[in-house]
Amino acid sequence: MDIIKELYSVILDRQKNPEEGSYTNYLLGKGTEKICKKVGEEAVETAIAAAKGNKSEVIAEIADLEYHVLVLMADMGITLDDVEKELRSRR
């Protein structure tokens, strides 16, 4: 999914070149604990939407969750390649 790579690149760019008003910079500035809270919040919202059976809501929540996971990865210095290697090792 090229959009994931594209979004991760934007997040990394915001990390190196902060932009005023950027939500990504807001999260990165608040630190790992805040980012982790957002990841947890979005995971719960995804599960609730799935339990309701609302497919379009689940899609939207998964997109939010993926974004916040990418911010967490950037914050912790984890690359997409790191995650890909881990997933491949589990096949």
N, C-alpha and C. Protein backbone atom coordinates (compact mmCIF):
# COMPACT_ATOMS: atom_id res chain seq x y z
N MET A 1 0.84 -1.18 0.00
CA MET A 1 0.00 0.00 0.00
C MET A 1 0.89 1.24 0.00
N ASP A 2 1.01 1.83 -1.14
CA ASP A 2 1.88 3.00 -1.30
C ASP A 2 1.45 4.17 -0.42
N ILE A 3 0.16 4.29 -0.13
CA ILE A 3 -0.30 5.40 0.69
C ILE A 3 0.30 5.33 2.09
N ILE A 4 0.53 4.12 2.59
CA ILE A 4 1.14 3.97 3.92
C ILE A 4 2.56 4.52 3.88
N LYS A 5 3.32 4.15 2.85
CA LYS A 5 4.68 4.67 2.70
C LYS A 5 4.68 6.18 2.55
N GLU A 6 3.73 6.68 1.76
CA GLU A 6 3.62 8.13 1.54
C GLU A 6 3.31 8.85 2.85
N LEU A 7 2.34 8.33 3.59
CA LEU A 7 1.96 8.95 4.86
C LEU A 7 3.11 8.90 5.86
N TYR A 8 3.80 7.76 5.92
CA TYR A 8 4.93 7.64 6.84
C TYR A 8 6.03 8.65 6.47
N SER A 9 6.25 8.85 5.18
CA SER A 9 7.24 9.83 4.74
C SER A 9 6.86 11.24 5.16
N VAL A 10 5.57 11.56 5.07
CA VAL A 10 5.10 12.88 5.51
C VAL A 10 5.31 13.04 7.01
N ILE A 11 5.01 12.00 7.77
CA ILE A 11 5.20 12.04 9.23
C ILE A 11 6.67 12.26 9.56
N LEU A 12 7.56 11.52 8.89
CA LEU A 12 9.00 11.70 9.12
C LEU A 12 9.45 13.10 8.74
N ASP A 13 8.88 13.64 7.67
CA ASP A 13 9.23 15.00 7.26
C ASP A 13 8.78 16.01 8.30
N ARG A 14 7.58 15.82 8.85
CA ARG A 14 7.09 16.72 9.90
C ARG A 14 7.98 16.64 11.13
N GLN A 15 8.49 15.45 11.40
CA GLN A 15 9.37 15.27 12.55
C GLN A 15 10.66 16.09 12.37
N LYS A 16 11.19 16.11 11.15
CA LYS A 16 12.43 16.83 10.87
C LYS A 16 12.19 18.31 10.57
N ASN A 17 11.04 18.61 9.99
CA ASN A 17 10.71 19.97 9.56
C ASN A 17 9.32 20.35 10.07
N PRO A 18 9.22 20.67 11.35
CA PRO A 18 7.90 20.96 11.93
C PRO A 18 7.16 22.07 11.19
N GLU A 19 5.85 21.90 11.09
CA GLU A 19 5.00 22.91 10.48
C GLU A 19 3.99 23.38 11.52
N GLU A 20 3.84 24.68 11.62
CA GLU A 20 2.90 25.25 12.57
C GLU A 20 1.49 24.75 12.26
N GLY A 21 0.78 24.33 13.31
CA GLY A 21 -0.58 23.87 13.15
C GLY A 21 -0.71 22.41 12.75
N SER A 22 0.40 21.71 12.60
CA SER A 22 0.39 20.31 12.19
C SER A 22 -0.01 19.42 13.36
N TYR A 23 -1.05 18.60 13.15
CA TYR A 23 -1.48 17.65 14.18
C TYR A 23 -0.37 16.64 14.47
N THR A 24 0.34 16.24 13.43
CA THR A 24 1.46 15.31 13.61
C THR A 24 2.50 15.92 14.54
N ASN A 25 2.85 17.18 14.33
CA ASN A 25 3.81 17.84 15.20
C ASN A 25 3.28 18.00 16.62
N TYR A 26 1.99 18.24 16.74
CA TYR A 26 1.37 18.31 18.07
C TYR A 26 1.59 17.00 18.81
N LEU A 27 1.27 15.88 18.15
CA LEU A 27 1.44 14.57 18.80
C LEU A 27 2.90 14.30 19.13
N LEU A 28 3.78 14.52 18.18
CA LEU A 28 5.20 14.27 18.42
C LEU A 28 5.73 15.14 19.55
N GLY A 29 5.24 16.36 19.64
CA GLY A 29 5.66 17.27 20.70
C GLY A 29 5.19 16.84 22.07
N LYS A 30 4.04 16.17 22.12
CA LYS A 30 3.49 15.71 23.40
C LYS A 30 4.20 14.45 23.90
N GLY A 31 4.83 13.72 23.00
CA GLY A 31 5.64 12.57 23.41
C GLY A 31 4.95 11.23 23.30
N THR A 32 5.72 10.21 23.62
CA THR A 32 5.30 8.83 23.44
C THR A 32 4.04 8.50 24.23
N GLU A 33 3.94 8.96 25.45
CA GLU A 33 2.77 8.62 26.27
C GLU A 33 1.47 9.10 25.62
N LYS A 34 1.45 10.32 25.12
CA LYS A 34 0.26 10.87 24.45
C LYS A 34 -0.05 10.08 23.19
N ILE A 35 0.99 9.77 22.42
CA ILE A 35 0.78 9.01 21.19
C ILE A 35 0.22 7.63 21.52
N CYS A 36 0.74 6.99 22.55
CA CYS A 36 0.24 5.68 22.96
C CYS A 36 -1.23 5.75 23.37
N LYS A 37 -1.60 6.80 24.06
CA LYS A 37 -3.01 6.97 24.45
C LYS A 37 -3.90 7.08 23.21
N LYS A 38 -3.43 7.81 22.21
CA LYS A 38 -4.20 7.94 20.97
C LYS A 38 -4.31 6.61 20.23
N VAL A 39 -3.23 5.83 20.21
CA VAL A 39 -3.27 4.52 19.57
C VAL A 39 -4.30 3.64 20.28
N GLY A 40 -4.27 3.63 21.60
CA GLY A 40 -5.24 2.85 22.36
C GLY A 40 -6.66 3.30 22.12
N GLU A 41 -6.87 4.60 22.11
CA GLU A 41 -8.20 5.17 21.88
C GLU A 41 -8.73 4.77 20.50
N GLU A 42 -7.88 4.87 19.50
CA GLU A 42 -8.31 4.51 18.14
C GLU A 42 -8.55 3.01 18.00
N ALA A 43 -7.77 2.20 18.70
CA ALA A 43 -7.99 0.74 18.67
C ALA A 43 -9.35 0.40 19.27
N VAL A 44 -9.69 1.03 20.37
CA VAL A 44 -10.99 0.79 21.01
C VAL A 44 -12.12 1.25 20.09
N GLU A 45 -11.96 2.42 19.49
CA GLU A 45 -12.99 2.93 18.58
C GLU A 45 -13.17 2.00 17.37
N THR A 46 -12.08 1.41 16.90
CA THR A 46 -12.16 0.46 15.80
C THR A 46 -12.94 -0.78 16.22
N ALA A 47 -12.64 -1.29 17.40
CA ALA A 47 -13.34 -2.48 17.90
C ALA A 47 -14.82 -2.21 18.11
N ILE A 48 -15.15 -1.05 18.64
CA ILE A 48 -16.56 -0.70 18.87
C ILE A 48 -17.30 -0.60 17.54
N ALA A 49 -16.70 0.04 16.57
CA ALA A 49 -17.33 0.16 15.25
C ALA A 49 -17.54 -1.22 14.63
N ALA A 50 -16.56 -2.10 14.78
CA ALA A 50 -16.68 -3.46 14.24
C ALA A 50 -17.79 -4.23 14.94
N ALA A 51 -17.88 -4.07 16.25
CA ALA A 51 -18.93 -4.75 17.01
C ALA A 51 -20.32 -4.29 16.58
N LYS A 52 -20.43 -3.03 16.16
CA LYS A 52 -21.70 -2.50 15.66
C LYS A 52 -22.00 -2.98 14.25
N GLY A 53 -20.98 -3.50 13.57
CA GLY A 53 -21.16 -3.98 12.21
C GLY A 53 -21.21 -2.89 11.16
N ASN A 54 -20.70 -1.72 11.50
CA ASN A 54 -20.73 -0.58 10.59
C ASN A 54 -19.43 -0.54 9.79
N LYS A 55 -19.46 -1.12 8.59
CA LYS A 55 -18.24 -1.27 7.79
C LYS A 55 -17.58 0.07 7.46
N SER A 56 -18.35 1.07 7.06
CA SER A 56 -17.74 2.35 6.70
C SER A 56 -17.10 3.02 7.91
N GLU A 57 -17.71 2.86 9.08
CA GLU A 57 -17.12 3.41 10.30
C GLU A 57 -15.84 2.66 10.67
N VAL A 58 -15.84 1.35 10.47
CA VAL A 58 -14.65 0.54 10.75
C VAL A 58 -13.50 0.99 9.84
N ILE A 59 -13.79 1.21 8.58
CA ILE A 59 -12.76 1.67 7.65
C ILE A 59 -12.17 3.00 8.12
N ALA A 60 -13.03 3.92 8.49
CA ALA A 60 -12.55 5.23 8.96
C ALA A 60 -11.71 5.09 10.23
N GLU A 61 -12.15 4.24 11.15
CA GLU A 61 -11.41 4.06 12.40
C GLU A 61 -10.07 3.36 12.16
N ILE A 62 -10.05 2.40 11.24
CA ILE A 62 -8.78 1.73 10.91
C ILE A 62 -7.80 2.75 10.32
N ALA A 63 -8.29 3.64 9.49
CA ALA A 63 -7.42 4.69 8.92
C ALA A 63 -6.85 5.55 10.04
N ASP A 64 -7.69 5.94 11.01
CA ASP A 64 -7.21 6.72 12.15
C ASP A 64 -6.17 5.93 12.94
N LEU A 65 -6.45 4.65 13.18
CA LEU A 65 -5.54 3.80 13.93
C LEU A 65 -4.20 3.67 13.21
N GLU A 66 -4.25 3.41 11.92
CA GLU A 66 -3.00 3.26 11.16
C GLU A 66 -2.17 4.54 11.21
N TYR A 67 -2.82 5.69 11.07
CA TYR A 67 -2.10 6.96 11.15
C TYR A 67 -1.39 7.08 12.49
N HIS A 68 -2.11 6.83 13.57
CA HIS A 68 -1.52 7.00 14.90
C HIS A 68 -0.41 5.98 15.16
N VAL A 69 -0.54 4.77 14.62
CA VAL A 69 0.53 3.78 14.74
C VAL A 69 1.77 4.27 13.99
N LEU A 70 1.59 4.86 12.83
CA LEU A 70 2.73 5.40 12.08
C LEU A 70 3.41 6.53 12.84
N VAL A 71 2.63 7.37 13.50
CA VAL A 71 3.23 8.43 14.32
C VAL A 71 4.03 7.81 15.46
N LEU A 72 3.49 6.78 16.09
CA LEU A 72 4.21 6.09 17.16
C LEU A 72 5.51 5.48 16.64
N MET A 73 5.44 4.87 15.48
CA MET A 73 6.64 4.30 14.88
C MET A 73 7.71 5.37 14.66
N ALA A 74 7.31 6.50 14.10
CA ALA A 74 8.27 7.59 13.87
C ALA A 74 8.86 8.06 15.19
N ASP A 75 8.01 8.21 16.18
CA ASP A 75 8.45 8.67 17.50
C ASP A 75 9.49 7.73 18.10
N MET A 76 9.32 6.43 17.85
CA MET A 76 10.21 5.43 18.44
C MET A 76 11.35 5.01 17.51
N GLY A 77 11.42 5.62 16.32
CA GLY A 77 12.49 5.27 15.39
C GLY A 77 12.32 3.91 14.74
N ILE A 78 11.08 3.47 14.61
CA ILE A 78 10.77 2.18 13.98
C ILE A 78 10.40 2.45 12.53
N THR A 79 11.01 1.70 11.61
CA THR A 79 10.74 1.91 10.19
C THR A 79 9.69 0.92 9.69
N LEU A 80 9.16 1.22 8.52
CA LEU A 80 8.24 0.28 7.87
C LEU A 80 8.97 -1.03 7.57
N ASP A 81 10.24 -0.94 7.22
CA ASP A 81 11.04 -2.15 6.97
C ASP A 81 11.16 -3.00 8.23
N ASP A 82 11.30 -2.37 9.38
CA ASP A 82 11.37 -3.12 10.64
C ASP A 82 10.12 -3.97 10.84
N VAL A 83 8.97 -3.36 10.58
CA VAL A 83 7.70 -4.07 10.77
C VAL A 83 7.54 -5.14 9.70
N GLU A 84 7.92 -4.82 8.47
CA GLU A 84 7.83 -5.81 7.40
C GLU A 84 8.68 -7.04 7.72
N LYS A 85 9.90 -6.83 8.20
CA LYS A 85 10.77 -7.95 8.57
C LYS A 85 10.13 -8.81 9.65
N GLU A 86 9.53 -8.17 10.63
CA GLU A 86 8.87 -8.92 11.71
C GLU A 86 7.70 -9.74 11.17
N LEU A 87 6.90 -9.13 10.32
CA LEU A 87 5.76 -9.85 9.74
C LEU A 87 6.23 -11.02 8.89
N ARG A 88 7.28 -10.81 8.10
CA ARG A 88 7.80 -11.90 7.25
C ARG A 88 8.35 -13.05 8.10
N SER A 89 8.92 -12.72 9.25
CA SER A 89 9.47 -13.77 10.11
C SER A 89 8.37 -14.64 10.72
N ARG A 90 7.13 -14.16 10.68
CA ARG A 90 6.01 -14.90 11.26
C ARG A 90 5.27 -15.76 10.25
N ARG A 91 5.65 -15.67 8.99
CA ARG A 91 4.95 -16.44 7.95
C ARG A 91 5.20 -17.90 8.06
